[in-house]
Amino acid sequence: MTKADIIDAVSVQAGVSKRQTGEILELILDEILSGLHKGERVALTPFGSFVVRQRRAREGRNPKTGEAINIAARKVPAFIPGKNLKEAVGAGRAKKGGRKR
């Protein structure tokens, strides 16, 4: 599913033009980006939350030469799915003892 698919579906369901729906979606995405830029957690209950995580500096390898390189610490965006999203996708944890055959 693409952004255009979402715009099409929402515009039909809401009875709003595709242009207006696209502008609203852009505003929502801009607000999420703005919150993350400020280091805030953006919670869309019960869908999930967007957060900023700090990755520590580490040593890596150049795949072509095998030479060791330093990878700097950095901030990265992350998504934590909410309970409803996990259940909808069926990503529940397996019970201990493995699968029954």
Protein backbone atom coordinates (compact mmCIF):
# COMPACT_ATOMS: atom_id res chain seq x y z
CA MET A 1 0.00 0.00 0.00
CA THR A 2 1.37 3.39 -0.96
CA LYS A 3 0.67 6.92 0.22
CA ALA A 4 -1.49 7.44 -2.88
CA ASP A 5 -3.52 4.33 -2.01
CA ILE A 6 -4.14 5.68 1.49
CA ILE A 7 -5.19 9.05 0.08
CA ASP A 8 -7.60 7.39 -2.34
CA ALA A 9 -9.20 5.20 0.35
CA VAL A 10 -9.53 7.99 2.92
CA SER A 11 -10.94 10.48 0.41
CA VAL A 12 -13.67 8.01 -0.59
CA GLN A 13 -14.55 7.10 3.01
CA ALA A 14 -14.54 10.70 4.25
CA GLY A 15 -16.24 12.17 1.18
CA VAL A 16 -13.43 14.69 0.75
CA SER A 17 -11.40 15.47 -2.36
CA LYS A 18 -8.13 13.66 -2.95
CA ARG A 19 -6.31 16.99 -2.89
CA GLN A 20 -7.68 17.91 0.54
CA THR A 21 -6.97 14.42 1.86
CA GLY A 22 -3.39 14.62 0.56
CA GLU A 23 -2.88 17.99 2.24
CA ILE A 24 -4.22 16.66 5.54
CA LEU A 25 -1.98 13.60 5.34
CA GLU A 26 1.02 15.86 4.65
CA LEU A 27 0.13 17.98 7.70
CA ILE A 28 -0.07 14.87 9.89
CA LEU A 29 3.28 13.57 8.63
CA ASP A 30 4.87 17.01 9.14
CA GLU A 31 3.63 17.08 12.76
CA ILE A 32 5.07 13.61 13.40
CA LEU A 33 8.38 14.72 11.90
CA SER A 34 8.37 17.92 13.94
CA GLY A 35 7.75 16.02 17.17
CA LEU A 36 10.55 13.56 16.45
CA HIS A 37 12.90 16.41 15.53
CA LYS A 38 12.25 17.86 19.01
CA GLY A 39 13.04 14.46 20.54
CA GLU A 40 9.44 13.87 21.60
CA ARG A 41 7.57 10.57 21.57
CA VAL A 42 4.65 10.69 19.10
CA ALA A 43 1.89 8.33 20.28
CA LEU A 44 -0.97 7.37 17.97
CA THR A 45 -3.04 5.30 20.39
CA PRO A 46 -3.82 2.40 19.79
CA PHE A 47 -1.79 2.19 16.54
CA GLY A 48 1.68 2.71 18.01
CA SER A 49 4.36 5.26 18.85
CA PHE A 50 7.22 6.88 17.01
CA VAL A 51 10.34 7.52 19.12
CA VAL A 52 13.91 8.69 18.64
CA ARG A 53 16.58 6.27 19.81
CA GLN A 54 20.26 6.94 20.37
CA ARG A 55 22.65 4.52 18.70
CA ARG A 56 26.07 4.29 20.28
CA ALA A 57 29.30 4.65 18.35
CA ARG A 58 30.75 1.36 17.19
CA GLU A 59 33.37 -0.21 14.98
CA GLY A 60 32.30 -1.62 11.63
CA ARG A 61 33.94 -3.12 8.57
CA ASN A 62 34.17 -1.89 5.00
CA PRO A 63 32.59 -4.78 3.05
CA LYS A 64 34.87 -4.29 0.04
CA THR A 65 38.22 -4.08 1.83
CA GLY A 66 37.50 -5.55 5.26
CA GLU A 67 39.11 -2.45 6.77
CA ALA A 68 37.88 -1.43 10.23
CA ILE A 69 35.95 1.85 10.27
CA ASN A 70 34.43 3.91 13.07
CA ILE A 71 30.69 4.46 12.90
CA ALA A 72 29.64 7.60 14.78
CA ALA A 73 26.87 7.72 17.36
CA ARG A 74 23.59 8.96 15.95
CA LYS A 75 19.89 9.34 16.54
CA VAL A 76 17.50 7.12 14.59
CA PRO A 77 13.71 7.04 14.34
CA ALA A 78 11.93 3.92 15.56
CA PHE A 79 8.35 2.67 15.67
CA ILE A 80 6.82 0.74 18.55
CA PRO A 81 3.61 -0.99 17.45
CA GLY A 82 0.60 -0.79 19.75
CA LYS A 83 -1.27 -3.79 21.11
CA ASN A 84 -4.09 -3.50 18.55
CA LEU A 85 -1.64 -3.37 15.64
CA LYS A 86 0.25 -6.41 16.92
CA GLU A 87 -2.98 -8.35 17.29
CA ALA A 88 -4.24 -7.28 13.84
CA VAL A 89 -1.07 -8.49 12.17
CA GLY A 90 -0.94 -11.65 14.26
CA ALA A 91 2.52 -11.01 15.64
CA GLY A 92 1.76 -12.53 19.02
CA ARG A 93 4.55 -14.39 20.77
CA ALA A 94 4.68 -18.13 20.44
CA LYS A 95 4.00 -20.11 23.59
CA LYS A 96 6.94 -21.80 25.31
CA GLY A 97 7.69 -25.29 24.13
CA GLY A 98 7.64 -24.50 20.42
CA ARG A 99 5.05 -25.38 17.83
CA LYS A 100 2.89 -28.45 18.02
CA ARG A 101 3.13 -30.67 15.01
